[in-house]
PDB file of all heavy atoms in Angstrom:
ATOM      1  N   PRO A   1       1.165  -0.399   4.572  1.00  0.00           N
ATOM      2  CA  PRO A   1       1.066  -1.835   4.850  1.00  0.00           C
ATOM      3  C   PRO A   1      -0.211  -2.403   4.004  1.00  0.00           C
ATOM      4  O   PRO A   1      -1.000  -1.788   3.347  1.00  0.00           O
ATOM      5  CB  PRO A   1       0.480  -1.846   6.279  1.00  0.00           C
ATOM      6  CG  PRO A   1      -0.071  -0.586   6.449  1.00  0.00           C
ATOM      7  CD  PRO A   1       0.656   0.517   5.538  1.00  0.00           C
ATOM      8  N   PRO A   2      -0.187  -3.816   3.861  1.00  0.00           N
ATOM      9  CA  PRO A   2      -1.177  -4.411   3.107  1.00  0.00           C
ATOM     10  C   PRO A   2      -2.649  -4.296   3.845  1.00  0.00           C
ATOM     11  O   PRO A   2      -2.721  -4.090   4.927  1.00  0.00           O
ATOM     12  CB  PRO A   2      -0.891  -5.970   3.220  1.00  0.00           C
ATOM     13  CG  PRO A   2       0.035  -6.162   4.304  1.00  0.00           C
ATOM     14  CD  PRO A   2       0.690  -4.728   4.417  1.00  0.00           C
ATOM     15  N   GLY A   3      -3.593  -4.195   3.048  1.00  0.00           N
ATOM     16  CA  GLY A   3      -4.916  -4.006   3.458  1.00  0.00           C
ATOM     17  C   GLY A   3      -5.377  -2.538   3.341  1.00  0.00           C
ATOM     18  O   GLY A   3      -6.581  -2.173   3.605  1.00  0.00           O
ATOM     19  N   THR A   4      -4.440  -1.699   2.965  1.00  0.00           N
ATOM     20  CA  THR A   4      -4.830  -0.212   2.989  1.00  0.00           C
ATOM     21  C   THR A   4      -5.664  -0.018   1.721  1.00  0.00           C
ATOM     22  O   THR A   4      -5.457  -0.685   0.688  1.00  0.00           O
ATOM     23  CB  THR A   4      -3.539   0.640   2.758  1.00  0.00           C
ATOM     24  OG1 THR A   4      -2.639   0.318   3.833  1.00  0.00           O
ATOM     25  CG2 THR A   4      -3.881   2.043   2.803  1.00  0.00           C
ATOM     26  N   ARG A   5      -6.723   0.781   1.944  1.00  0.00           N
ATOM     27  CA  ARG A   5      -7.659   1.030   0.873  1.00  0.00           C
ATOM     28  C   ARG A   5      -7.626   2.555   0.438  1.00  0.00           C
ATOM     29  O   ARG A   5      -7.406   3.395   1.265  1.00  0.00           O
ATOM     30  CB  ARG A   5      -9.119   0.694   1.345  1.00  0.00           C
ATOM     31  CG  ARG A   5      -9.346  -0.828   1.492  1.00  0.00           C
ATOM     32  CD  ARG A   5     -10.633  -1.085   2.167  1.00  0.00           C
ATOM     33  NE  ARG A   5     -11.812  -0.594   1.449  1.00  0.00           N
ATOM     34  CZ  ARG A   5     -12.373  -1.232   0.474  1.00  0.00           C
ATOM     35  NH1 ARG A   5     -12.041  -2.441   0.175  1.00  0.00           N
ATOM     36  NH2 ARG A   5     -13.511  -0.767  -0.061  1.00  0.00           N
ATOM     37  N   TYR A   6      -7.747   2.782  -0.800  1.00  0.00           N
ATOM     38  CA  TYR A   6      -7.711   4.034  -1.397  1.00  0.00           C
ATOM     39  C   TYR A   6      -8.885   4.370  -2.247  1.00  0.00           C
ATOM     40  O   TYR A   6      -8.908   4.046  -3.450  1.00  0.00           O
ATOM     41  CB  TYR A   6      -6.418   4.204  -2.232  1.00  0.00           C
ATOM     42  CG  TYR A   6      -5.097   3.822  -1.521  1.00  0.00           C
ATOM     43  CD1 TYR A   6      -4.868   2.430  -1.614  1.00  0.00           C
ATOM     44  CD2 TYR A   6      -4.225   4.533  -0.869  1.00  0.00           C
ATOM     45  CE1 TYR A   6      -3.621   1.961  -0.946  1.00  0.00           C
ATOM     46  CE2 TYR A   6      -3.182   4.202  -0.206  1.00  0.00           C
ATOM     47  CZ  TYR A   6      -2.830   2.851  -0.271  1.00  0.00           C
ATOM     48  OH  TYR A   6      -1.706   2.387   0.371  1.00  0.00           O
ATOM     49  N   PRO A   7      -9.866   5.201  -1.700  1.00  0.00           N
ATOM     50  CA  PRO A   7     -10.983   5.571  -2.563  1.00  0.00           C
ATOM     51  C   PRO A   7     -10.640   6.612  -3.591  1.00  0.00           C
ATOM     52  O   PRO A   7      -9.810   7.512  -3.234  1.00  0.00           O
ATOM     53  CB  PRO A   7     -11.933   6.203  -1.560  1.00  0.00           C
ATOM     54  CG  PRO A   7     -11.343   5.724  -0.139  1.00  0.00           C
ATOM     55  CD  PRO A   7      -9.933   5.630  -0.331  1.00  0.00           C
ATOM     56  N   LEU A   8     -10.985   6.316  -4.809  1.00  0.00           N
ATOM     57  CA  LEU A   8     -10.768   7.105  -5.927  1.00  0.00           C
ATOM     58  C   LEU A   8     -12.144   7.371  -6.610  1.00  0.00           C
ATOM     59  O   LEU A   8     -13.054   6.690  -6.396  1.00  0.00           O
ATOM     60  CB  LEU A   8      -9.851   6.459  -7.023  1.00  0.00           C
ATOM     61  CG  LEU A   8      -8.339   6.236  -6.569  1.00  0.00           C
ATOM     62  CD1 LEU A   8      -7.686   5.420  -7.671  1.00  0.00           C
ATOM     63  CD2 LEU A   8      -7.718   7.410  -6.044  1.00  0.00           C
ATOM     64  N   PRO A   9     -12.290   8.425  -7.497  1.00  0.00           N
ATOM     65  CA  PRO A   9     -13.470   8.693  -8.154  1.00  0.00           C
ATOM     66  C   PRO A   9     -13.789   7.421  -9.020  1.00  0.00           C
ATOM     67  O   PRO A   9     -13.003   7.070  -9.976  1.00  0.00           O
ATOM     68  CB  PRO A   9     -13.188   9.773  -9.033  1.00  0.00           C
ATOM     69  CG  PRO A   9     -12.087  10.573  -8.389  1.00  0.00           C
ATOM     70  CD  PRO A   9     -11.235   9.515  -7.658  1.00  0.00           C
ATOM     71  N   GLY A  10     -14.874   6.779  -8.724  1.00  0.00           N
ATOM     72  CA  GLY A  10     -15.278   5.638  -9.515  1.00  0.00           C
ATOM     73  C   GLY A  10     -14.677   4.306  -9.177  1.00  0.00           C
ATOM     74  O   GLY A  10     -14.875   3.242  -9.820  1.00  0.00           O
ATOM     75  N   ALA A  11     -13.706   4.136  -8.094  1.00  0.00           N
ATOM     76  CA  ALA A  11     -13.129   2.944  -7.861  1.00  0.00           C
ATOM     77  C   ALA A  11     -12.363   3.101  -6.503  1.00  0.00           C
ATOM     78  O   ALA A  11     -12.139   4.140  -5.977  1.00  0.00           O
ATOM     79  CB  ALA A  11     -12.060   2.705  -8.944  1.00  0.00           C
ATOM     80  N   THR A  12     -12.152   1.965  -5.841  1.00  0.00           N
ATOM     81  CA  THR A  12     -11.375   1.846  -4.596  1.00  0.00           C
ATOM     82  C   THR A  12     -10.236   0.863  -4.880  1.00  0.00           C
ATOM     83  O   THR A  12     -10.434  -0.354  -5.226  1.00  0.00           O
ATOM     84  CB  THR A  12     -12.123   1.523  -3.412  1.00  0.00           C
ATOM     85  OG1 THR A  12     -13.213   2.472  -3.081  1.00  0.00           O
ATOM     86  CG2 THR A  12     -11.321   1.274  -2.248  1.00  0.00           C
ATOM     87  N   LEU A  13      -8.915   1.307  -4.722  1.00  0.00           N
ATOM     88  CA  LEU A  13      -7.867   0.444  -4.892  1.00  0.00           C
ATOM     89  C   LEU A  13      -7.605  -0.143  -3.479  1.00  0.00           C
ATOM     90  O   LEU A  13      -7.600   0.520  -2.486  1.00  0.00           O
ATOM     91  CB  LEU A  13      -6.626   1.104  -5.426  1.00  0.00           C
ATOM     92  CG  LEU A  13      -6.731   2.015  -6.733  1.00  0.00           C
ATOM     93  CD1 LEU A  13      -5.325   2.447  -7.222  1.00  0.00           C
ATOM     94  CD2 LEU A  13      -7.427   1.149  -7.736  1.00  0.00           C
ATOM     95  N   THR A  14      -7.220  -1.417  -3.479  1.00  0.00           N
ATOM     96  CA  THR A  14      -6.795  -2.117  -2.243  1.00  0.00           C
ATOM     97  C   THR A  14      -5.478  -2.733  -2.394  1.00  0.00           C
ATOM     98  O   THR A  14      -5.152  -3.462  -3.295  1.00  0.00           O
ATOM     99  CB  THR A  14      -7.897  -3.275  -1.845  1.00  0.00           C
ATOM    100  OG1 THR A  14      -9.043  -2.639  -1.836  1.00  0.00           O
ATOM    101  CG2 THR A  14      -7.465  -3.810  -0.567  1.00  0.00           C
ATOM    102  N   LYS A  15      -4.576  -2.449  -1.495  1.00  0.00           N
ATOM    103  CA  LYS A  15      -3.233  -2.948  -1.507  1.00  0.00           C
ATOM    104  C   LYS A  15      -3.354  -4.313  -0.746  1.00  0.00           C
ATOM    105  O   LYS A  15      -3.573  -4.476   0.452  1.00  0.00           O
ATOM    106  CB  LYS A  15      -2.261  -2.052  -0.765  1.00  0.00           C
ATOM    107  CG  LYS A  15      -0.791  -2.351  -0.844  1.00  0.00           C
ATOM    108  CD  LYS A  15       0.033  -1.402  -0.332  1.00  0.00           C
ATOM    109  CE  LYS A  15       1.481  -1.662  -0.573  1.00  0.00           C
ATOM    110  NZ  LYS A  15       2.377  -0.553  -0.206  1.00  0.00           N
ATOM    111  N   ARG A  16      -2.801  -5.351  -1.491  1.00  0.00           N
ATOM    112  CA  ARG A  16      -2.828  -6.747  -0.918  1.00  0.00           C
ATOM    113  C   ARG A  16      -1.499  -7.151  -0.330  1.00  0.00           C
ATOM    114  O   ARG A  16      -1.439  -8.311   0.427  1.00  0.00           O
ATOM    115  CB  ARG A  16      -3.346  -7.613  -2.004  1.00  0.00           C
ATOM    116  CG  ARG A  16      -4.912  -7.393  -2.371  1.00  0.00           C
ATOM    117  CD  ARG A  16      -5.187  -8.335  -3.435  1.00  0.00           C
ATOM    118  NE  ARG A  16      -6.623  -8.343  -3.720  1.00  0.00           N
ATOM    119  CZ  ARG A  16      -7.228  -8.788  -4.732  1.00  0.00           C
ATOM    120  NH1 ARG A  16      -6.527  -9.309  -5.739  1.00  0.00           N
ATOM    121  NH2 ARG A  16      -8.469  -8.684  -4.831  1.00  0.00           N
ATOM    122  N   ARG A  17      -0.395  -6.498  -0.653  1.00  0.00           N
ATOM    123  CA  ARG A  17       0.979  -7.015  -0.265  1.00  0.00           C
ATOM    124  C   ARG A  17       1.827  -5.811   0.285  1.00  0.00           C
ATOM    125  O   ARG A  17       1.778  -4.746  -0.428  1.00  0.00           O
ATOM    126  CB  ARG A  17       1.551  -7.780  -1.353  1.00  0.00           C
ATOM    127  CG  ARG A  17       2.853  -8.552  -0.860  1.00  0.00           C
ATOM    128  CD  ARG A  17       3.522  -9.228  -2.133  1.00  0.00           C
ATOM    129  NE  ARG A  17       2.553 -10.122  -2.710  1.00  0.00           N
ATOM    130  CZ  ARG A  17       2.353 -11.328  -2.453  1.00  0.00           C
ATOM    131  NH1 ARG A  17       2.919 -11.822  -1.388  1.00  0.00           N
ATOM    132  NH2 ARG A  17       1.451 -12.110  -3.051  1.00  0.00           N
ATOM    133  N   GLY A  18       2.410  -6.009   1.322  1.00  0.00           N
ATOM    134  CA  GLY A  18       3.193  -4.824   1.879  1.00  0.00           C
ATOM    135  C   GLY A  18       4.703  -4.907   1.280  1.00  0.00           C
ATOM    136  O   GLY A  18       4.940  -5.742   0.493  1.00  0.00           O
ATOM    137  N   PRO A  19       5.464  -3.842   1.585  1.00  0.00           N
ATOM    138  CA  PRO A  19       6.751  -3.729   1.008  1.00  0.00           C
ATOM    139  C   PRO A  19       7.686  -4.969   1.523  1.00  0.00           C
ATOM    140  O   PRO A  19       7.507  -5.229   2.617  1.00  0.00           O
ATOM    141  CB  PRO A  19       7.296  -2.456   1.400  1.00  0.00           C
ATOM    142  CG  PRO A  19       6.519  -2.016   2.648  1.00  0.00           C
ATOM    143  CD  PRO A  19       5.266  -2.727   2.563  1.00  0.00           C
ATOM    144  N   ALA A  20       8.603  -5.385   0.718  1.00  0.00           N
ATOM    145  CA  ALA A  20       9.556  -6.324   1.234  1.00  0.00           C
ATOM    146  C   ALA A  20      10.557  -5.800   2.244  1.00  0.00           C
ATOM    147  O   ALA A  20      11.053  -6.692   3.079  1.00  0.00           O
ATOM    148  CB  ALA A  20      10.408  -6.864   0.024  1.00  0.00           C
ATOM    149  N   LEU A  21      10.818  -4.403   2.157  1.00  0.00           N
ATOM    150  CA  LEU A  21      11.583  -3.867   3.161  1.00  0.00           C
ATOM    151  C   LEU A  21      11.091  -2.603   3.453  1.00  0.00           C
ATOM    152  O   LEU A  21      10.395  -1.864   2.702  1.00  0.00           O
ATOM    153  CB  LEU A  21      13.109  -3.532   2.634  1.00  0.00           C
ATOM    154  CG  LEU A  21      13.976  -4.754   2.255  1.00  0.00           C
ATOM    155  CD1 LEU A  21      15.151  -4.278   1.579  1.00  0.00           C
ATOM    156  CD2 LEU A  21      14.301  -5.653   3.474  1.00  0.00           C
ATOM    157  N   PRO A  22      11.154  -2.118   4.761  1.00  0.00           N
ATOM    158  CA  PRO A  22      10.585  -0.786   5.203  1.00  0.00           C
ATOM    159  C   PRO A  22      11.564   0.333   4.521  1.00  0.00           C
ATOM    160  O   PRO A  22      12.790   0.128   4.198  1.00  0.00           O
ATOM    161  CB  PRO A  22      10.625  -0.780   6.646  1.00  0.00           C
ATOM    162  CG  PRO A  22      11.722  -1.733   6.957  1.00  0.00           C
ATOM    163  CD  PRO A  22      11.767  -2.777   5.994  1.00  0.00           C
ATOM    164  N   ALA A  23      10.949   1.467   4.389  1.00  0.00           N
ATOM    165  CA  ALA A  23      11.692   2.622   3.781  1.00  0.00           C
ATOM    166  C   ALA A  23      12.989   2.823   4.662  1.00  0.00           C
ATOM    167  O   ALA A  23      13.961   3.244   4.110  1.00  0.00           O
ATOM    168  CB  ALA A  23      10.728   3.832   3.720  1.00  0.00           C
ATOM    169  N   ALA A  24      12.866   2.771   5.942  1.00  0.00           N
ATOM    170  CA  ALA A  24      13.975   3.111   6.805  1.00  0.00           C
ATOM    171  C   ALA A  24      15.189   2.217   6.599  1.00  0.00           C
ATOM    172  O   ALA A  24      16.310   2.517   6.994  1.00  0.00           O
ATOM    173  CB  ALA A  24      13.531   3.055   8.287  1.00  0.00           C
ATOM    174  N   ALA A  25      14.962   1.018   6.006  1.00  0.00           N
ATOM    175  CA  ALA A  25      16.005   0.147   5.751  1.00  0.00           C
ATOM    176  C   ALA A  25      16.915   0.321   4.460  1.00  0.00           C
ATOM    177  O   ALA A  25      17.857  -0.201   4.249  1.00  0.00           O
ATOM    178  CB  ALA A  25      15.516  -1.304   5.645  1.00  0.00           C
ATOM    179  N   LEU A  26      16.444   1.410   3.775  1.00  0.00           N
ATOM    180  CA  LEU A  26      17.056   1.434   2.362  1.00  0.00           C
ATOM    181  C   LEU A  26      18.332   2.273   2.524  1.00  0.00           C
ATOM    182  O   LEU A  26      19.181   2.164   1.563  1.00  0.00           O
ATOM    183  CB  LEU A  26      16.047   2.190   1.401  1.00  0.00           C
ATOM    184  CG  LEU A  26      14.841   1.437   1.245  1.00  0.00           C
ATOM    185  CD1 LEU A  26      13.941   2.218   0.188  1.00  0.00           C
ATOM    186  CD2 LEU A  26      14.974  -0.013   0.695  1.00  0.00           C
ATOM    187  N   GLY A  27      18.445   3.185   3.345  1.00  0.00           N
ATOM    188  CA  GLY A  27      19.577   4.199   3.377  1.00  0.00           C
ATOM    189  C   GLY A  27      19.219   5.423   2.505  1.00  0.00           C
ATOM    190  O   GLY A  27      18.179   5.446   1.946  1.00  0.00           O
TER     191      GLY A  27
END
């Protein structure tokens, strides 16, 4: 989901937008 943060060495990545469809909808 959006807002998830991922600490990495020397940086933190932040997800700002979630997926257009959930994985379960893909088949």
